[in-house]
Amino acid sequence: MEQRTSYGQFAGEPNDIQLARFFLLDEVDMDFINNRRGRANRLAVALLIGSVRFLGTWPHDLSAIPVNVLWFVARQLGISDTSVLSDYCWLKPVILVWNPLFDPIFRR
């Protein structure tokens, strides 16, 4: 039962190695992210990309993403005010249908 309730959630803050492995955005990621409008959308999409890689599924709640992940991703996007994430309309809950367009980004 505990495993079921923790699925799709962070158990704590990822360490530096995990941040670099799962949340470092490469050129393909940045091309995909930069096609989104607004800082909130770009930050949310970048967090979703890393979270899917790290958790293996969509996160249940973007507002529960650890602070170190939020700042690590935001810095790469040049976003200094992470409160813009609250403008993202899918903040709670994140419900997405798999789209083949995401395959090149999430399947690495």
C-alpha atoms as a PDB file:
ATOM      1  CA  MET A   1       0.000   0.000   0.000  1.00  0.00           C
ATOM      2  CA  GLU A   2       2.847   2.423   0.804  1.00  0.00           C
ATOM      3  CA  GLN A   3       4.366   1.869  -2.636  1.00  0.00           C
ATOM      4  CA  ARG A   4       1.041   2.651  -4.266  1.00  0.00           C
ATOM      5  CA  THR A   5       0.611   5.933  -2.380  1.00  0.00           C
ATOM      6  CA  SER A   6       4.164   7.077  -3.134  1.00  0.00           C
ATOM      7  CA  TYR A   7       3.975   6.298  -6.870  1.00  0.00           C
ATOM      8  CA  GLY A   8       4.490   9.407  -8.993  1.00  0.00           C
ATOM      9  CA  GLN A   9       5.877  11.416  -6.082  1.00  0.00           C
ATOM     10  CA  PHE A  10       9.327  12.447  -4.965  1.00  0.00           C
ATOM     11  CA  ALA A  11      10.582  10.665  -1.840  1.00  0.00           C
ATOM     12  CA  GLY A  12      12.956  13.546  -1.102  1.00  0.00           C
ATOM     13  CA  GLU A  13      15.336  15.876  -2.868  1.00  0.00           C
ATOM     14  CA  PRO A  14      17.360  14.289  -5.672  1.00  0.00           C
ATOM     15  CA  ASN A  15      21.113  14.520  -5.144  1.00  0.00           C
ATOM     16  CA  ASP A  16      23.497  16.364  -7.488  1.00  0.00           C
ATOM     17  CA  ILE A  17      24.181  13.268  -9.583  1.00  0.00           C
ATOM     18  CA  GLN A  18      20.454  12.616 -10.034  1.00  0.00           C
ATOM     19  CA  LEU A  19      19.846  16.260 -10.926  1.00  0.00           C
ATOM     20  CA  ALA A  20      22.521  16.106 -13.618  1.00  0.00           C
ATOM     21  CA  ARG A  21      21.283  12.790 -14.967  1.00  0.00           C
ATOM     22  CA  PHE A  22      17.533  13.392 -15.062  1.00  0.00           C
ATOM     23  CA  PHE A  23      17.013  17.165 -15.015  1.00  0.00           C
ATOM     24  CA  LEU A  24      19.844  18.545 -17.146  1.00  0.00           C
ATOM     25  CA  LEU A  25      18.239  19.910 -20.294  1.00  0.00           C
ATOM     26  CA  ASP A  26      19.992  19.275 -23.586  1.00  0.00           C
ATOM     27  CA  GLU A  27      19.527  20.940 -26.968  1.00  0.00           C
ATOM     28  CA  VAL A  28      16.560  18.736 -27.958  1.00  0.00           C
ATOM     29  CA  ASP A  29      14.845  19.480 -24.652  1.00  0.00           C
ATOM     30  CA  MET A  30      15.462  23.211 -24.989  1.00  0.00           C
ATOM     31  CA  ASP A  31      14.104  23.282 -28.556  1.00  0.00           C
ATOM     32  CA  PHE A  32      10.935  21.552 -27.364  1.00  0.00           C
ATOM     33  CA  ILE A  33      10.595  23.742 -24.248  1.00  0.00           C
ATOM     34  CA  ASN A  34      11.290  27.020 -26.035  1.00  0.00           C
ATOM     35  CA  ASN A  35       8.351  26.380 -28.360  1.00  0.00           C
ATOM     36  CA  ARG A  36       6.032  26.896 -25.351  1.00  0.00           C
ATOM     37  CA  ARG A  37       4.575  30.314 -24.586  1.00  0.00           C
ATOM     38  CA  GLY A  38       5.308  32.022 -21.313  1.00  0.00           C
ATOM     39  CA  ARG A  39       7.737  31.319 -18.517  1.00  0.00           C
ATOM     40  CA  ALA A  40       5.186  29.295 -16.531  1.00  0.00           C
ATOM     41  CA  ASN A  41       4.583  26.904 -19.430  1.00  0.00           C
ATOM     42  CA  ARG A  42       8.282  26.531 -20.220  1.00  0.00           C
ATOM     43  CA  LEU A  43       9.135  25.847 -16.576  1.00  0.00           C
ATOM     44  CA  ALA A  44       6.283  23.374 -16.153  1.00  0.00           C
ATOM     45  CA  VAL A  45       7.148  21.469 -19.323  1.00  0.00           C
ATOM     46  CA  ALA A  46      10.817  21.295 -18.316  1.00  0.00           C
ATOM     47  CA  LEU A  47       9.826  19.995 -14.869  1.00  0.00           C
ATOM     48  CA  LEU A  48       7.553  17.405 -16.466  1.00  0.00           C
ATOM     49  CA  ILE A  49      10.339  16.206 -18.758  1.00  0.00           C
ATOM     50  CA  GLY A  50      12.754  15.712 -15.871  1.00  0.00           C
ATOM     51  CA  SER A  51      10.123  14.260 -13.563  1.00  0.00           C
ATOM     52  CA  VAL A  52       9.050  11.643 -16.089  1.00  0.00           C
ATOM     53  CA  ARG A  53      12.677  10.652 -16.548  1.00  0.00           C
ATOM     54  CA  PHE A  54      13.279  10.511 -12.793  1.00  0.00           C
ATOM     55  CA  LEU A  55       9.983   9.017 -11.554  1.00  0.00           C
ATOM     56  CA  GLY A  56       9.086   6.983 -14.638  1.00  0.00           C
ATOM     57  CA  THR A  57       5.637   8.587 -14.679  1.00  0.00           C
ATOM     58  CA  TRP A  58       3.925  11.971 -14.605  1.00  0.00           C
ATOM     59  CA  PRO A  59       4.171  13.594 -11.175  1.00  0.00           C
ATOM     60  CA  HIS A  60       0.885  13.794  -9.283  1.00  0.00           C
ATOM     61  CA  ASP A  61       1.408  17.376  -8.239  1.00  0.00           C
ATOM     62  CA  LEU A  62       3.849  19.902  -9.719  1.00  0.00           C
ATOM     63  CA  SER A  63       3.685  22.008  -6.567  1.00  0.00           C
ATOM     64  CA  ALA A  64       5.255  19.077  -4.665  1.00  0.00           C
ATOM     65  CA  ILE A  65       8.414  19.029  -6.787  1.00  0.00           C
ATOM     66  CA  PRO A  66      11.449  19.458  -4.536  1.00  0.00           C
ATOM     67  CA  VAL A  67      12.901  22.944  -4.323  1.00  0.00           C
ATOM     68  CA  ASN A  68      16.341  21.863  -5.540  1.00  0.00           C
ATOM     69  CA  VAL A  69      14.764  20.422  -8.717  1.00  0.00           C
ATOM     70  CA  LEU A  70      12.714  23.568  -9.273  1.00  0.00           C
ATOM     71  CA  TRP A  71      15.764  25.838  -8.965  1.00  0.00           C
ATOM     72  CA  PHE A  72      18.033  23.531 -11.001  1.00  0.00           C
ATOM     73  CA  VAL A  73      15.585  23.547 -13.916  1.00  0.00           C
ATOM     74  CA  ALA A  74      14.641  27.227 -13.607  1.00  0.00           C
ATOM     75  CA  ARG A  75      18.291  28.320 -13.754  1.00  0.00           C
ATOM     76  CA  GLN A  76      18.762  26.459 -17.027  1.00  0.00           C
ATOM     77  CA  LEU A  77      15.800  28.345 -18.465  1.00  0.00           C
ATOM     78  CA  GLY A  78      16.979  31.720 -17.174  1.00  0.00           C
ATOM     79  CA  ILE A  79      13.971  31.994 -14.858  1.00  0.00           C
ATOM     80  CA  SER A  80      14.825  33.653 -11.554  1.00  0.00           C
ATOM     81  CA  ASP A  81      11.275  33.887 -10.191  1.00  0.00           C
ATOM     82  CA  THR A  82      10.041  30.325  -9.715  1.00  0.00           C
ATOM     83  CA  SER A  83       6.698  31.569  -8.420  1.00  0.00           C
ATOM     84  CA  VAL A  84       5.662  31.811 -12.090  1.00  0.00           C
ATOM     85  CA  LEU A  85       4.946  28.086 -11.840  1.00  0.00           C
ATOM     86  CA  SER A  86       1.742  28.935  -9.957  1.00  0.00           C
ATOM     87  CA  ASP A  87       0.438  30.405 -13.245  1.00  0.00           C
ATOM     88  CA  TYR A  88       0.579  26.971 -14.878  1.00  0.00           C
ATOM     89  CA  CYS A  89      -2.976  25.699 -15.312  1.00  0.00           C
ATOM     90  CA  TRP A  90      -2.189  21.983 -14.794  1.00  0.00           C
ATOM     91  CA  LEU A  91      -0.489  22.464 -11.455  1.00  0.00           C
ATOM     92  CA  LYS A  92      -2.835  20.076  -9.610  1.00  0.00           C
ATOM     93  CA  PRO A  93      -3.363  17.359 -10.686  1.00  0.00           C
ATOM     94  CA  VAL A  94      -1.212  16.651 -13.701  1.00  0.00           C
ATOM     95  CA  ILE A  95      -3.300  14.525 -16.050  1.00  0.00           C
ATOM     96  CA  LEU A  96      -1.857  13.989 -19.485  1.00  0.00           C
ATOM     97  CA  VAL A  97      -2.524  11.613 -22.327  1.00  0.00           C
ATOM     98  CA  TRP A  98       0.590  10.094 -23.852  1.00  0.00           C
ATOM     99  CA  ASN A  99       1.512  11.848 -27.060  1.00  0.00           C
ATOM    100  CA  PRO A 100       4.021  10.289 -29.482  1.00  0.00           C
ATOM    101  CA  LEU A 101       5.553  13.759 -29.958  1.00  0.00           C
ATOM    102  CA  PHE A 102       7.021  13.393 -26.462  1.00  0.00           C
ATOM    103  CA  ASP A 103       8.831  10.136 -27.294  1.00  0.00           C
ATOM    104  CA  PRO A 104      12.160  11.659 -28.376  1.00  0.00           C
ATOM    105  CA  ILE A 105      12.327  13.684 -25.161  1.00  0.00           C
ATOM    106  CA  PHE A 106      11.142  11.240 -22.518  1.00  0.00           C
ATOM    107  CA  ARG A 107      12.570   8.022 -23.951  1.00  0.00           C
ATOM    108  CA  ARG A 108      16.281   8.678 -23.381  1.00  0.00           C
END
